[in-house]
Structures are given as structure tokens and as C-alpha cells.
Amino acid sequence: MKKLPKHVKVYLNYFQIGEQDTWQCEVCGRVCPINNGLQIHHIKYRSRLGDDNIGNLCCLCVKCHTEAHNEILKENELTEIHLKFMELYGTR
């Protein structure tokens, strides 16, 4: 089994889910296995001094992840969506 990146571990630990579990895209709600179809995204990129804290990490399907990297989904939009998602599903 390959080692998970730190930011993925932070996200999974916060929401108390495993890499084999199903979860949902925080933007569109698509449900997929974590290890097949969902990706943990840095809302503020590390190259722009973003960090691996849970407030800067969101779970996105491939389509929404592509839109985030193409800046169709803006950083401020993702932050707002993620904060609402954390209120609903965080630390169960």
C-alpha cells in the first residue's frame, strides 16, 4: 500500500473516514470511493503559501478538481463551500 500524502491524512483524520470509504465531492455532491474518483485539494495552493490544515483542504471529484485548477471554481468560493461542509460533517 502506498503512503498517503500528509494533506490526505489530515483530511481523512478530521472527517474520521478511511481511504477505502465512500465520501462526497464538497462542490457537486458526487459520491465515490476516496481512493477512486475523489481528490483532496488545497484551496490555497502550497505554491501560494497554503498549508495542510483542514481549513485549507477540500474533497473534490475529478471534474470539480479540474475546475478548481482552471480557476472556474475560485478560492473564495471553495473556502465558503468548505466551511459549510465542515459545519455539517466535521468531527462526527
Protein backbone atom coordinates (compact mmCIF):
# COMPACT_ATOMS: atom_id res chain seq x y z
CA MET A 1 0.00 0.00 0.00
CA LYS A 2 1.41 3.38 -0.95
CA LYS A 3 1.99 6.05 1.67
CA LEU A 4 -0.65 8.78 1.78
CA PRO A 5 0.44 12.41 1.48
CA LYS A 6 0.18 14.45 4.68
CA HIS A 7 -2.71 16.59 3.45
CA VAL A 8 -4.77 13.49 2.61
CA LYS A 9 -4.14 12.04 6.08
CA VAL A 10 -5.17 15.34 7.70
CA TYR A 11 -8.45 15.37 5.76
CA LEU A 12 -9.29 11.71 6.42
CA ASN A 13 -8.48 12.01 10.12
CA TYR A 14 -10.58 15.14 10.56
CA PHE A 15 -13.67 13.58 8.99
CA GLN A 16 -12.90 10.15 10.52
CA ILE A 17 -13.03 8.32 7.21
CA GLY A 18 -10.74 5.72 5.68
CA GLU A 19 -9.15 5.67 2.27
CA GLN A 20 -11.41 2.73 1.31
CA ASP A 21 -14.62 4.56 2.34
CA THR A 22 -17.01 6.40 0.05
CA TRP A 23 -17.37 10.14 0.51
CA GLN A 24 -18.71 13.06 -1.47
CA CYS A 25 -17.39 15.90 -3.53
CA GLU A 26 -17.85 19.03 -1.46
CA VAL A 27 -18.95 21.03 -4.52
CA CYS A 28 -21.28 18.83 -6.58
CA GLY A 29 -22.07 16.09 -4.04
CA ARG A 30 -20.94 13.20 -6.25
CA VAL A 31 -20.34 10.12 -4.07
CA CYS A 32 -17.29 7.96 -4.89
CA PRO A 33 -14.68 5.89 -3.11
CA ILE A 34 -11.97 8.12 -1.61
CA ASN A 35 -9.27 6.09 -3.36
CA ASN A 36 -11.03 6.10 -6.76
CA GLY A 37 -12.62 9.27 -8.04
CA LEU A 38 -12.12 11.81 -5.25
CA GLN A 39 -9.10 14.00 -4.62
CA ILE A 40 -8.06 16.16 -1.67
CA HIS A 41 -7.40 19.67 -2.94
CA HIS A 42 -5.52 22.58 -1.35
CA ILE A 43 -7.92 25.53 -1.54
CA LYS A 44 -4.98 27.93 -1.37
CA TYR A 45 -2.15 26.22 -3.23
CA ARG A 46 1.03 25.42 -1.35
CA SER A 47 2.87 27.41 -4.02
CA ARG A 48 0.82 30.41 -2.83
CA LEU A 49 1.72 29.69 0.81
CA GLY A 50 -1.30 27.48 1.52
CA ASP A 51 -0.86 24.83 4.21
CA ASP A 52 -2.05 21.32 5.08
CA ASN A 53 -4.55 22.43 7.74
CA ILE A 54 -8.12 21.15 7.44
CA GLY A 55 -9.44 24.64 6.74
CA ASN A 56 -7.40 24.66 3.52
CA LEU A 57 -8.32 21.17 2.30
CA CYS A 58 -11.43 20.08 0.46
CA CYS A 59 -12.51 16.87 -1.22
CA LEU A 60 -13.37 17.17 -4.91
CA CYS A 61 -14.36 14.82 -7.72
CA VAL A 62 -12.11 14.86 -10.79
CA LYS A 63 -14.41 17.29 -12.67
CA CYS A 64 -14.57 19.81 -9.80
CA HIS A 65 -10.84 19.40 -9.12
CA THR A 66 -10.11 20.30 -12.74
CA GLU A 67 -12.42 23.32 -12.46
CA ALA A 68 -10.58 24.42 -9.30
CA HIS A 69 -7.20 24.20 -11.04
CA ASN A 70 -8.58 26.06 -14.06
CA GLU A 71 -9.91 28.70 -11.63
CA ILE A 72 -13.50 28.20 -12.74
CA LEU A 73 -14.08 27.45 -9.05
CA LYS A 74 -12.44 30.37 -7.25
CA GLU A 75 -10.52 30.15 -3.98
CA ASN A 76 -13.09 32.24 -2.10
CA GLU A 77 -15.95 30.06 -3.40
CA LEU A 78 -14.19 26.88 -2.34
CA THR A 79 -13.46 28.34 1.09
CA GLU A 80 -17.12 29.22 1.64
CA ILE A 81 -18.33 25.79 0.44
CA HIS A 82 -15.73 24.02 2.58
CA LEU A 83 -16.62 25.92 5.76
CA LYS A 84 -20.29 24.97 5.33
CA PHE A 85 -19.27 21.36 4.63
CA MET A 86 -17.17 21.29 7.81
CA GLU A 87 -20.14 22.59 9.84
CA LEU A 88 -22.33 19.78 8.51
CA TYR A 89 -19.92 16.82 8.54
CA GLY A 90 -16.90 17.75 10.65
CA THR A 91 -15.69 15.79 13.66
CA ARG A 92 -18.53 13.33 13.87
